[in-house]
């Protein structure tokens, strides 16, 4: 190999090392974002479950009140 080829190889290796480092940082950032989004998703899912439970309770209460009103109307 001649000196020019070695020089070109060194430059390419340097570029590859630099790009690899950039990609590793990008992967780290993406993993952190993914973890945050997964946590956020879990929180939202729990909120939905709680909301559904409250909605069921409200529906049950309203049904009970409606039945009482219907009974009162029928008795009256």
C-alpha atoms as a PDB file:
ATOM      1  CA  UNK A   1       0.000   0.000   0.000  1.00  0.00           C
ATOM      2  CA  UNK A   2       1.206   3.460  -0.689  1.00  0.00           C
ATOM      3  CA  UNK A   3       1.064   6.434   1.612  1.00  0.00           C
ATOM      4  CA  UNK A   4      -1.934   7.983  -0.124  1.00  0.00           C
ATOM      5  CA  UNK A   5      -4.009   4.843   0.307  1.00  0.00           C
ATOM      6  CA  UNK A   6      -3.091   4.654   3.984  1.00  0.00           C
ATOM      7  CA  UNK A   7      -4.030   8.271   4.440  1.00  0.00           C
ATOM      8  CA  UNK A   8      -7.399   7.712   2.778  1.00  0.00           C
ATOM      9  CA  UNK A   9      -8.009   4.661   4.948  1.00  0.00           C
ATOM     10  CA  UNK A  10      -7.194   6.651   8.081  1.00  0.00           C
ATOM     11  CA  UNK A  11      -9.646   9.357   7.051  1.00  0.00           C
ATOM     12  CA  UNK A  12     -12.359   6.801   6.354  1.00  0.00           C
ATOM     13  CA  UNK A  13     -11.764   5.070   9.676  1.00  0.00           C
ATOM     14  CA  UNK A  14     -11.945   8.413  11.460  1.00  0.00           C
ATOM     15  CA  UNK A  15     -15.223   9.216   9.708  1.00  0.00           C
ATOM     16  CA  UNK A  16     -16.615   5.799  10.579  1.00  0.00           C
ATOM     17  CA  UNK A  17     -15.632   6.167  14.220  1.00  0.00           C
ATOM     18  CA  UNK A  18     -17.216   9.606  14.366  1.00  0.00           C
ATOM     19  CA  UNK A  19     -20.410   8.392  12.687  1.00  0.00           C
ATOM     20  CA  UNK A  20     -20.563   5.382  14.974  1.00  0.00           C
ATOM     21  CA  UNK A  21     -20.321   7.656  17.988  1.00  0.00           C
ATOM     22  CA  UNK A  22     -23.113   9.870  16.624  1.00  0.00           C
ATOM     23  CA  UNK A  23     -25.300   6.835  16.009  1.00  0.00           C
ATOM     24  CA  UNK A  24     -24.640   5.482  19.493  1.00  0.00           C
ATOM     25  CA  UNK A  25     -25.726   8.809  20.961  1.00  0.00           C
ATOM     26  CA  UNK A  26     -28.825   8.780  18.786  1.00  0.00           C
ATOM     27  CA  UNK A  27     -29.669   5.256  19.945  1.00  0.00           C
ATOM     28  CA  UNK A  28     -29.254   6.326  23.568  1.00  0.00           C
ATOM     29  CA  UNK A  29     -31.561   9.294  23.028  1.00  0.00           C
ATOM     30  CA  UNK A  30     -34.146   7.129  21.271  1.00  0.00           C
ATOM     31  CA  UNK A  31     -34.044   4.580  24.090  1.00  0.00           C
ATOM     32  CA  UNK A  32     -34.562   7.307  26.667  1.00  0.00           C
ATOM     33  CA  UNK A  33     -37.488   8.713  24.686  1.00  0.00           C
ATOM     34  CA  UNK A  34     -38.937   5.240  24.291  1.00  0.00           C
ATOM     35  CA  UNK A  35     -38.760   4.651  28.039  1.00  0.00           C
ATOM     36  CA  UNK A  36     -40.482   7.969  28.726  1.00  0.00           C
ATOM     37  CA  UNK A  37     -43.203   7.219  26.192  1.00  0.00           C
ATOM     38  CA  UNK A  38     -43.767   3.742  27.600  1.00  0.00           C
ATOM     39  CA  UNK A  39     -44.150   5.225  31.095  1.00  0.00           C
ATOM     40  CA  UNK A  40     -46.517   7.863  29.761  1.00  0.00           C
ATOM     41  CA  UNK A  41     -48.507   5.209  27.920  1.00  0.00           C
ATOM     42  CA  UNK A  42     -48.817   3.115  31.066  1.00  0.00           C
ATOM     43  CA  UNK A  43     -50.028   6.138  33.015  1.00  0.00           C
ATOM     44  CA  UNK A  44     -52.611   6.936  30.353  1.00  0.00           C
ATOM     45  CA  UNK A  45     -53.832   3.351  30.304  1.00  0.00           C
ATOM     46  CA  UNK A  46     -54.294   3.433  34.074  1.00  0.00           C
ATOM     47  CA  UNK A  47     -56.182   6.708  33.777  1.00  0.00           C
ATOM     48  CA  UNK A  48     -58.474   5.160  31.171  1.00  0.00           C
ATOM     49  CA  UNK A  49     -59.165   2.191  33.428  1.00  0.00           C
ATOM     50  CA  UNK A  50     -59.955   4.505  36.336  1.00  0.00           C
ATOM     51  CA  UNK A  51     -62.199   6.608  34.117  1.00  0.00           C
ATOM     52  CA  UNK A  52     -64.053   3.524  32.902  1.00  0.00           C
ATOM     53  CA  UNK A  53     -64.550   2.396  36.499  1.00  0.00           C
ATOM     54  CA  UNK A  54     -65.927   5.809  37.477  1.00  0.00           C
ATOM     55  CA  UNK A  55     -68.201   5.755  34.438  1.00  0.00           C
ATOM     56  CA  UNK A  56     -69.546   2.333  35.485  1.00  0.00           C
ATOM     57  CA  UNK A  57     -70.164   3.599  39.018  1.00  0.00           C
ATOM     58  CA  UNK A  58     -71.958   6.671  37.692  1.00  0.00           C
ATOM     59  CA  UNK A  59     -74.042   4.570  35.338  1.00  0.00           C
ATOM     60  CA  UNK A  60     -74.980   2.228  38.168  1.00  0.00           C
ATOM     61  CA  UNK A  61     -75.964   5.155  40.401  1.00  0.00           C
ATOM     62  CA  UNK A  62     -78.055   6.714  37.631  1.00  0.00           C
ATOM     63  CA  UNK A  63     -79.766   3.399  36.903  1.00  0.00           C
ATOM     64  CA  UNK A  64     -80.575   3.006  40.582  1.00  0.00           C
ATOM     65  CA  UNK A  65     -81.979   6.532  40.774  1.00  0.00           C
ATOM     66  CA  UNK A  66     -84.066   5.960  37.642  1.00  0.00           C
ATOM     67  CA  UNK A  67     -85.477   2.765  39.112  1.00  0.00           C
ATOM     68  CA  UNK A  68     -86.395   4.627  42.306  1.00  0.00           C
ATOM     69  CA  UNK A  69     -88.124   7.349  40.276  1.00  0.00           C
ATOM     70  CA  UNK A  70     -90.009   4.767  38.250  1.00  0.00           C
ATOM     71  CA  UNK A  71     -91.096   2.989  41.440  1.00  0.00           C
ATOM     72  CA  UNK A  72     -92.219   6.259  42.971  1.00  0.00           C
ATOM     73  CA  UNK A  73     -94.160   7.142  39.824  1.00  0.00           C
ATOM     74  CA  UNK A  74     -95.829   3.732  39.702  1.00  0.00           C
ATOM     75  CA  UNK A  75     -96.755   3.889  43.384  1.00  0.00           C
ATOM     76  CA  UNK A  76     -98.083   7.428  43.096  1.00  0.00           C
END
